Structure formats: structure tokens, C-alpha cells
């Protein structure tokens, strides 16, 4: 999408406390992973040093994307499993839309969700910007 050709549809932001995720993992283990992450995301975080940091970043990304999607009708039912954080070979995050989120993209799109993730030792954060390409529309 080129500069000046995008329509802003929605914006979302979220922060997740990493210590909270660590406590959730201690108490609930695998249930946390299966509730909040897709299978591919679980495979990625399990192999990482300090998995809670990566889980927290994905939770923040999904919540931020959920908030950005709320400008669309019927988006309230989007679940944790309908959004998947992926990483490009250069490390840039992106969001794969599954289930209801993919249905919304088909019905109200085409649109893209631009994603930015960040973290410190204590907090993971994400910003999601939902945009539509409007080139050629009058």
C-alpha cells in the first residue's frame, strides 16, 4: 500500500504484564498456551528463552488487533484463536487472520492489520492499525 492510499479503519493498543503471564503459566501450564495461542504460536514460544515474554507479546498483539477490529460489524466475537502472530524472516511481526477474523476480512475488506510489538523486562506492548487500500476509489 502506497503513501496516501490508505483508509484508517481502526486502531488498537494493549499492554501485558510479563510477570502475570509467568504466574498464569505456573498455575495453569498448558491450558494457558492452548487458550491464548494457536498451534504454530505454541511451537514458536516453547522453544524460546523466557517463553512468557513471547506469550505476553502475542497476547498484547491479539488484544490490540481485536480492539482495532471493533469498528467492523460482528467483530466482538473474534477469539484468541482467530488471530495468529507470525514473524517474517527479518523478524517483523504480522498478523494472520483465521476463522471469524478471516470472514470479516472477506466481507469488509480488503484490509490489512499493521502490527508493532515491543517489550521490556516487565511489560509487552502492541499497536495494531487496521487499514484499507483505497487506490482507484472515488
N, C-alpha and C. Protein backbone atom coordinates (compact mmCIF):
# COMPACT_ATOMS: atom_id res chain seq x y z
N UNK A 1 0.84 -1.17 0.00
CA UNK A 1 0.00 0.00 0.00
C UNK A 1 0.88 1.23 0.00
N UNK A 2 0.64 2.11 -0.92
CA UNK A 2 1.43 3.32 -1.04
C UNK A 2 0.99 4.40 -0.09
N UNK A 3 1.82 5.42 0.04
CA UNK A 3 1.51 6.55 0.90
C UNK A 3 0.30 7.28 0.33
N UNK A 4 -0.62 7.68 1.22
CA UNK A 4 -1.79 8.44 0.81
C UNK A 4 -2.88 7.59 0.16
N UNK A 5 -2.78 6.29 0.21
CA UNK A 5 -3.77 5.43 -0.42
C UNK A 5 -4.49 4.56 0.59
N UNK A 6 -4.35 4.86 1.87
CA UNK A 6 -4.94 4.01 2.90
C UNK A 6 -6.06 4.73 3.64
N UNK A 7 -7.09 3.98 3.94
CA UNK A 7 -8.18 4.45 4.77
C UNK A 7 -8.01 3.81 6.14
N UNK A 8 -7.96 4.63 7.17
CA UNK A 8 -7.86 4.12 8.53
C UNK A 8 -9.22 3.60 8.96
N UNK A 9 -9.24 2.35 9.40
CA UNK A 9 -10.49 1.73 9.84
C UNK A 9 -10.54 1.63 11.36
N UNK A 10 -9.41 1.28 11.98
CA UNK A 10 -9.38 1.13 13.43
C UNK A 10 -7.97 1.06 13.96
N UNK A 11 -7.83 1.40 15.25
CA UNK A 11 -6.54 1.36 15.93
C UNK A 11 -6.75 0.69 17.28
N UNK A 12 -5.80 -0.14 17.68
CA UNK A 12 -5.85 -0.77 18.99
C UNK A 12 -4.47 -0.77 19.62
N UNK A 13 -4.44 -0.72 20.94
CA UNK A 13 -3.19 -0.78 21.69
C UNK A 13 -3.43 -1.62 22.93
N UNK A 14 -2.40 -2.34 23.37
CA UNK A 14 -2.54 -3.14 24.59
C UNK A 14 -1.18 -3.37 25.23
N UNK A 15 -1.19 -3.51 26.54
CA UNK A 15 0.00 -3.84 27.33
C UNK A 15 -0.31 -5.08 28.17
N UNK A 16 0.66 -5.96 28.30
CA UNK A 16 0.51 -7.17 29.12
C UNK A 16 1.70 -7.27 30.06
N UNK A 17 1.42 -7.49 31.33
CA UNK A 17 2.44 -7.65 32.35
C UNK A 17 3.05 -9.06 32.23
N UNK A 18 4.34 -9.12 32.01
CA UNK A 18 5.00 -10.42 31.78
C UNK A 18 4.98 -11.28 33.04
N UNK A 19 5.12 -10.68 34.21
CA UNK A 19 5.07 -11.46 35.46
C UNK A 19 3.70 -12.12 35.63
N UNK A 20 2.66 -11.45 35.19
CA UNK A 20 1.31 -12.03 35.26
C UNK A 20 1.23 -13.27 34.38
N UNK A 21 1.80 -13.21 33.19
CA UNK A 21 1.81 -14.38 32.31
C UNK A 21 2.63 -15.51 32.92
N UNK A 22 3.75 -15.18 33.55
CA UNK A 22 4.56 -16.21 34.22
C UNK A 22 3.75 -16.89 35.32
N UNK A 23 3.00 -16.12 36.09
CA UNK A 23 2.16 -16.70 37.15
C UNK A 23 1.07 -17.58 36.55
N UNK A 24 0.46 -17.13 35.45
CA UNK A 24 -0.57 -17.93 34.78
C UNK A 24 0.02 -19.27 34.31
N UNK A 25 1.22 -19.22 33.76
CA UNK A 25 1.88 -20.45 33.29
C UNK A 25 2.17 -21.39 34.46
N UNK A 26 2.63 -20.84 35.59
CA UNK A 26 2.91 -21.67 36.77
C UNK A 26 1.64 -22.36 37.27
N UNK A 27 0.54 -21.63 37.28
CA UNK A 27 -0.72 -22.16 37.82
C UNK A 27 -1.45 -23.08 36.84
N UNK A 28 -1.44 -22.71 35.55
CA UNK A 28 -2.32 -23.40 34.61
C UNK A 28 -1.59 -24.08 33.45
N UNK A 29 -0.30 -23.85 33.30
CA UNK A 29 0.51 -24.55 32.31
C UNK A 29 -0.06 -24.57 30.91
N UNK A 30 -0.24 -25.77 30.39
CA UNK A 30 -0.66 -25.99 29.00
C UNK A 30 -1.99 -25.32 28.67
N UNK A 31 -2.88 -25.21 29.66
CA UNK A 31 -4.18 -24.57 29.39
C UNK A 31 -4.02 -23.13 28.93
N UNK A 32 -3.02 -22.42 29.48
CA UNK A 32 -2.76 -21.04 29.06
C UNK A 32 -2.35 -21.03 27.59
N UNK A 33 -1.45 -21.93 27.25
CA UNK A 33 -0.96 -21.98 25.87
C UNK A 33 -2.08 -22.28 24.88
N UNK A 34 -2.94 -23.25 25.19
CA UNK A 34 -3.99 -23.63 24.25
C UNK A 34 -5.12 -22.60 24.20
N UNK A 35 -5.32 -21.85 25.26
CA UNK A 35 -6.37 -20.82 25.25
C UNK A 35 -5.97 -19.59 24.42
N UNK A 36 -4.74 -19.13 24.62
CA UNK A 36 -4.33 -17.86 24.04
C UNK A 36 -3.59 -17.97 22.71
N UNK A 37 -3.01 -19.13 22.42
CA UNK A 37 -2.14 -19.25 21.25
C UNK A 37 -2.62 -20.32 20.29
N UNK A 38 -2.35 -20.09 19.00
CA UNK A 38 -2.60 -21.13 18.01
C UNK A 38 -1.49 -22.18 18.11
N UNK A 39 -1.67 -23.26 17.41
CA UNK A 39 -0.67 -24.33 17.44
C UNK A 39 0.70 -23.83 16.97
N UNK A 40 0.74 -23.07 15.87
CA UNK A 40 2.01 -22.55 15.37
C UNK A 40 2.66 -21.59 16.37
N UNK A 41 1.86 -20.77 17.04
CA UNK A 41 2.40 -19.86 18.04
C UNK A 41 2.96 -20.64 19.23
N UNK A 42 2.27 -21.69 19.63
CA UNK A 42 2.76 -22.52 20.76
C UNK A 42 4.11 -23.13 20.41
N UNK A 43 4.25 -23.65 19.21
CA UNK A 43 5.52 -24.24 18.78
C UNK A 43 6.64 -23.20 18.84
N UNK A 44 6.34 -21.97 18.43
CA UNK A 44 7.35 -20.91 18.45
C UNK A 44 7.76 -20.55 19.87
N UNK A 45 6.82 -20.30 20.76
CA UNK A 45 7.17 -19.79 22.09
C UNK A 45 7.82 -20.84 22.98
N UNK A 46 7.45 -22.10 22.81
CA UNK A 46 8.01 -23.16 23.65
C UNK A 46 9.52 -23.25 23.50
N UNK A 47 10.03 -23.02 22.32
CA UNK A 47 11.46 -23.12 22.07
C UNK A 47 12.26 -21.87 22.44
N UNK A 48 11.61 -20.85 22.95
CA UNK A 48 12.28 -19.58 23.23
C UNK A 48 12.74 -19.51 24.68
N UNK A 49 13.80 -18.74 24.89
CA UNK A 49 14.21 -18.39 26.24
C UNK A 49 13.14 -17.48 26.81
N UNK A 50 12.71 -17.74 28.01
CA UNK A 50 11.67 -16.97 28.70
C UNK A 50 10.38 -16.90 27.85
N UNK A 51 9.71 -18.03 27.70
CA UNK A 51 8.51 -18.09 26.88
C UNK A 51 7.43 -17.07 27.27
N UNK A 52 7.32 -16.72 28.53
CA UNK A 52 6.27 -15.79 28.98
C UNK A 52 6.39 -14.44 28.27
N UNK A 53 7.60 -14.01 27.97
CA UNK A 53 7.78 -12.75 27.27
C UNK A 53 7.14 -12.82 25.88
N UNK A 54 7.33 -13.91 25.19
CA UNK A 54 6.79 -14.08 23.83
C UNK A 54 5.28 -14.32 23.86
N UNK A 55 4.81 -15.01 24.88
CA UNK A 55 3.37 -15.19 25.04
C UNK A 55 2.72 -13.85 25.32
N UNK A 56 3.30 -13.06 26.21
CA UNK A 56 2.75 -11.75 26.54
C UNK A 56 2.69 -10.85 25.32
N UNK A 57 3.73 -10.88 24.48
CA UNK A 57 3.73 -10.06 23.27
C UNK A 57 2.60 -10.49 22.33
N UNK A 58 2.37 -11.79 22.21
CA UNK A 58 1.30 -12.27 21.34
C UNK A 58 -0.08 -11.94 21.92
N UNK A 59 -0.21 -12.04 23.22
CA UNK A 59 -1.47 -11.65 23.84
C UNK A 59 -1.75 -10.16 23.62
N UNK A 60 -0.74 -9.32 23.78
CA UNK A 60 -0.91 -7.88 23.54
C UNK A 60 -1.27 -7.61 22.08
N UNK A 61 -0.61 -8.31 21.16
CA UNK A 61 -0.89 -8.13 19.73
C UNK A 61 -2.32 -8.51 19.40
N UNK A 62 -2.77 -9.63 19.93
CA UNK A 62 -4.13 -10.09 19.64
C UNK A 62 -5.17 -9.16 20.24
N UNK A 63 -4.93 -8.69 21.44
CA UNK A 63 -5.87 -7.75 22.07
C UNK A 63 -5.89 -6.42 21.32
N UNK A 64 -4.74 -5.93 20.90
CA UNK A 64 -4.68 -4.69 20.12
C UNK A 64 -5.42 -4.86 18.80
N UNK A 65 -5.22 -5.99 18.13
CA UNK A 65 -5.91 -6.25 16.86
C UNK A 65 -7.41 -6.37 17.08
N UNK A 66 -7.81 -7.04 18.15
CA UNK A 66 -9.23 -7.16 18.49
C UNK A 66 -9.85 -5.77 18.64
N UNK A 67 -9.16 -4.89 19.33
CA UNK A 67 -9.66 -3.52 19.52
C UNK A 67 -9.75 -2.79 18.18
N UNK A 68 -8.77 -2.95 17.32
CA UNK A 68 -8.79 -2.30 16.01
C UNK A 68 -9.95 -2.81 15.16
N UNK A 69 -10.27 -4.08 15.29
CA UNK A 69 -11.35 -4.68 14.51
C UNK A 69 -12.74 -4.25 14.96
N UNK A 70 -12.86 -3.67 16.15
CA UNK A 70 -14.17 -3.37 16.71
C UNK A 70 -14.96 -2.32 15.93
N UNK A 71 -14.33 -1.63 15.00
CA UNK A 71 -15.08 -0.69 14.15
C UNK A 71 -15.89 -1.43 13.08
N UNK A 72 -15.68 -2.73 12.95
CA UNK A 72 -16.42 -3.53 11.97
C UNK A 72 -17.60 -4.24 12.64
N UNK A 73 -18.72 -4.36 11.93
CA UNK A 73 -19.86 -5.10 12.49
C UNK A 73 -19.47 -6.55 12.76
N UNK A 74 -20.01 -7.11 13.82
CA UNK A 74 -19.85 -8.52 14.18
C UNK A 74 -18.45 -8.91 14.64
N UNK A 75 -17.59 -7.94 14.94
CA UNK A 75 -16.21 -8.25 15.33
C UNK A 75 -16.08 -8.64 16.80
N UNK A 76 -17.09 -8.41 17.60
CA UNK A 76 -16.98 -8.71 19.03
C UNK A 76 -16.74 -10.20 19.31
N UNK A 77 -17.13 -11.06 18.39
CA UNK A 77 -16.98 -12.50 18.60
C UNK A 77 -15.62 -13.04 18.17
N UNK A 78 -14.72 -12.19 17.68
CA UNK A 78 -13.38 -12.64 17.31
C UNK A 78 -12.69 -13.19 18.56
N UNK A 79 -12.07 -14.36 18.42
CA UNK A 79 -11.44 -15.01 19.58
C UNK A 79 -9.92 -15.02 19.47
N UNK A 80 -9.28 -15.46 20.53
CA UNK A 80 -7.82 -15.58 20.56
C UNK A 80 -7.32 -16.46 19.42
N UNK A 81 -8.09 -17.49 19.08
CA UNK A 81 -7.68 -18.44 18.05
C UNK A 81 -7.92 -17.92 16.63
N UNK A 82 -8.60 -16.79 16.49
CA UNK A 82 -8.87 -16.21 15.17
C UNK A 82 -7.74 -15.29 14.69
N UNK A 83 -6.76 -15.08 15.54
CA UNK A 83 -5.64 -14.18 15.23
C UNK A 83 -4.34 -14.91 15.54
N UNK A 84 -3.39 -14.85 14.62
CA UNK A 84 -2.11 -15.53 14.81
C UNK A 84 -0.96 -14.59 14.47
N UNK A 85 -0.07 -14.40 15.42
CA UNK A 85 1.11 -13.56 15.19
C UNK A 85 2.17 -14.40 14.48
N UNK A 86 2.65 -13.87 13.37
CA UNK A 86 3.71 -14.52 12.61
C UNK A 86 4.91 -13.58 12.56
N UNK A 87 6.07 -14.15 12.24
CA UNK A 87 7.29 -13.36 12.10
C UNK A 87 7.87 -13.59 10.71
N UNK A 88 8.19 -12.47 10.06
CA UNK A 88 8.88 -12.57 8.76
C UNK A 88 10.32 -13.01 9.01
N UNK A 89 11.02 -13.40 7.96
CA UNK A 89 12.40 -13.86 8.11
C UNK A 89 13.30 -12.78 8.72
N UNK A 90 12.92 -11.50 8.55
CA UNK A 90 13.71 -10.42 9.13
C UNK A 90 13.24 -10.02 10.54
N UNK A 91 12.26 -10.76 11.07
CA UNK A 91 11.79 -10.52 12.44
C UNK A 91 10.56 -9.65 12.57
N UNK A 92 10.13 -9.01 11.48
CA UNK A 92 8.94 -8.15 11.55
C UNK A 92 7.71 -9.00 11.84
N UNK A 93 6.86 -8.52 12.78
CA UNK A 93 5.63 -9.26 13.08
C UNK A 93 4.53 -8.94 12.08
N UNK A 94 3.67 -9.90 11.88
CA UNK A 94 2.47 -9.68 11.08
C UNK A 94 1.36 -10.51 11.72
N UNK A 95 0.16 -10.27 11.26
CA UNK A 95 -0.99 -10.96 11.84
C UNK A 95 -1.70 -11.76 10.76
N UNK A 96 -1.87 -13.04 11.02
CA UNK A 96 -2.62 -13.92 10.13
C UNK A 96 -4.05 -13.99 10.68
N UNK A 97 -5.03 -13.77 9.80
CA UNK A 97 -6.42 -13.80 10.20
C UNK A 97 -7.01 -15.17 9.91
N UNK A 98 -7.64 -15.75 10.92
CA UNK A 98 -8.23 -17.08 10.82
C UNK A 98 -9.70 -16.99 11.24
N UNK A 99 -10.46 -18.02 10.97
CA UNK A 99 -11.83 -18.10 11.47
C UNK A 99 -12.66 -16.86 11.21
N UNK A 100 -13.29 -16.33 12.26
CA UNK A 100 -14.15 -15.17 12.13
C UNK A 100 -13.39 -13.94 11.64
N UNK A 101 -12.15 -13.77 12.07
CA UNK A 101 -11.36 -12.62 11.60
C UNK A 101 -11.15 -12.69 10.09
N UNK A 102 -10.90 -13.86 9.56
CA UNK A 102 -10.75 -14.03 8.11
C UNK A 102 -12.08 -13.77 7.41
N UNK A 103 -13.18 -14.21 8.02
CA UNK A 103 -14.51 -13.95 7.44
C UNK A 103 -14.78 -12.44 7.38
N UNK A 104 -14.41 -11.70 8.43
CA UNK A 104 -14.59 -10.26 8.44
C UNK A 104 -13.76 -9.60 7.34
N UNK A 105 -12.54 -10.08 7.15
CA UNK A 105 -11.68 -9.53 6.10
C UNK A 105 -12.28 -9.76 4.72
N UNK A 106 -12.88 -10.91 4.53
CA UNK A 106 -13.51 -11.20 3.24
C UNK A 106 -14.75 -10.33 3.03
N UNK A 107 -15.51 -10.15 4.08
CA UNK A 107 -16.77 -9.39 3.98
C UNK A 107 -16.55 -7.88 3.89
N UNK A 108 -15.59 -7.35 4.65
CA UNK A 108 -15.40 -5.90 4.78
C UNK A 108 -14.10 -5.41 4.17
N UNK A 109 -13.33 -6.29 3.60
CA UNK A 109 -12.01 -5.94 3.08
C UNK A 109 -12.05 -5.47 1.66
N UNK A 110 -10.91 -5.48 1.02
CA UNK A 110 -9.66 -5.98 1.60
C UNK A 110 -9.08 -4.98 2.59
N UNK A 111 -8.55 -5.50 3.68
CA UNK A 111 -7.85 -4.67 4.63
C UNK A 111 -6.63 -5.40 5.16
N UNK A 112 -5.78 -4.64 5.82
CA UNK A 112 -4.58 -5.21 6.43
C UNK A 112 -4.48 -4.69 7.86
N UNK A 113 -3.85 -5.46 8.70
CA UNK A 113 -3.58 -5.02 10.06
C UNK A 113 -2.07 -4.85 10.18
N UNK A 114 -1.64 -3.60 10.33
CA UNK A 114 -0.23 -3.30 10.57
C UNK A 114 0.03 -3.50 12.06
N UNK A 115 1.11 -4.17 12.40
CA UNK A 115 1.35 -4.57 13.78
C UNK A 115 2.74 -4.13 14.23
N UNK A 116 2.81 -3.58 15.44
CA UNK A 116 4.09 -3.24 16.05
C UNK A 116 4.11 -3.81 17.45
N UNK A 117 5.18 -4.53 17.79
CA UNK A 117 5.34 -5.14 19.11
C UNK A 117 6.56 -4.57 19.79
N UNK A 118 6.51 -4.50 21.12
CA UNK A 118 7.66 -4.06 21.89
C UNK A 118 7.58 -4.71 23.27
N UNK A 119 8.72 -4.79 23.94
CA UNK A 119 8.70 -5.30 25.31
C UNK A 119 9.90 -4.78 26.08
N UNK A 120 9.71 -4.75 27.39
CA UNK A 120 10.80 -4.51 28.32
C UNK A 120 10.93 -5.80 29.12
N UNK A 121 11.67 -5.78 30.19
CA UNK A 121 11.75 -6.97 31.05
C UNK A 121 10.44 -7.22 31.78
N UNK A 122 9.59 -6.20 31.89
CA UNK A 122 8.38 -6.30 32.70
C UNK A 122 7.07 -6.28 31.91
N UNK A 123 7.08 -5.65 30.74
CA UNK A 123 5.83 -5.43 30.02
C UNK A 123 6.02 -5.67 28.52
N UNK A 124 5.00 -6.28 27.91
CA UNK A 124 4.94 -6.42 26.46
C UNK A 124 3.82 -5.53 25.96
N UNK A 125 4.04 -4.88 24.82
CA UNK A 125 3.02 -3.99 24.27
C UNK A 125 2.87 -4.20 22.78
N UNK A 126 1.71 -3.78 22.28
CA UNK A 126 1.44 -3.90 20.84
C UNK A 126 0.51 -2.78 20.41
N UNK A 127 0.70 -2.37 19.17
CA UNK A 127 -0.20 -1.44 18.49
C UNK A 127 -0.61 -2.11 17.19
N UNK A 128 -1.91 -2.08 16.92
CA UNK A 128 -2.44 -2.64 15.68
C UNK A 128 -3.23 -1.53 14.96
N UNK A 129 -2.97 -1.38 13.67
CA UNK A 129 -3.66 -0.39 12.86
C UNK A 129 -4.33 -1.12 11.70
N UNK A 130 -5.64 -1.00 11.64
CA UNK A 130 -6.44 -1.64 10.61
C UNK A 130 -6.65 -0.63 9.48
N UNK A 131 -6.16 -0.96 8.27
CA UNK A 131 -6.24 -0.06 7.13
C UNK A 131 -6.81 -0.77 5.92
N UNK A 132 -7.40 0.04 5.04
CA UNK A 132 -7.93 -0.48 3.77
C UNK A 132 -7.27 0.27 2.64
N UNK A 133 -6.88 -0.41 1.60
CA UNK A 133 -6.32 0.19 0.40
C UNK A 133 -7.45 0.84 -0.38
N UNK A 134 -7.34 2.15 -0.64
CA UNK A 134 -8.41 2.87 -1.34
C UNK A 134 -7.96 3.40 -2.70
N UNK A 135 -6.87 2.92 -3.23
CA UNK A 135 -6.43 3.34 -4.57
C UNK A 135 -7.52 3.04 -5.59
N UNK A 136 -7.78 4.01 -6.43
CA UNK A 136 -8.75 3.81 -7.50
C UNK A 136 -10.18 4.00 -7.07
N UNK A 137 -10.43 4.27 -5.77
CA UNK A 137 -11.79 4.51 -5.30
C UNK A 137 -12.05 6.00 -5.30
N UNK A 138 -13.25 6.37 -5.66
CA UNK A 138 -13.61 7.79 -5.66
C UNK A 138 -14.78 8.05 -4.76
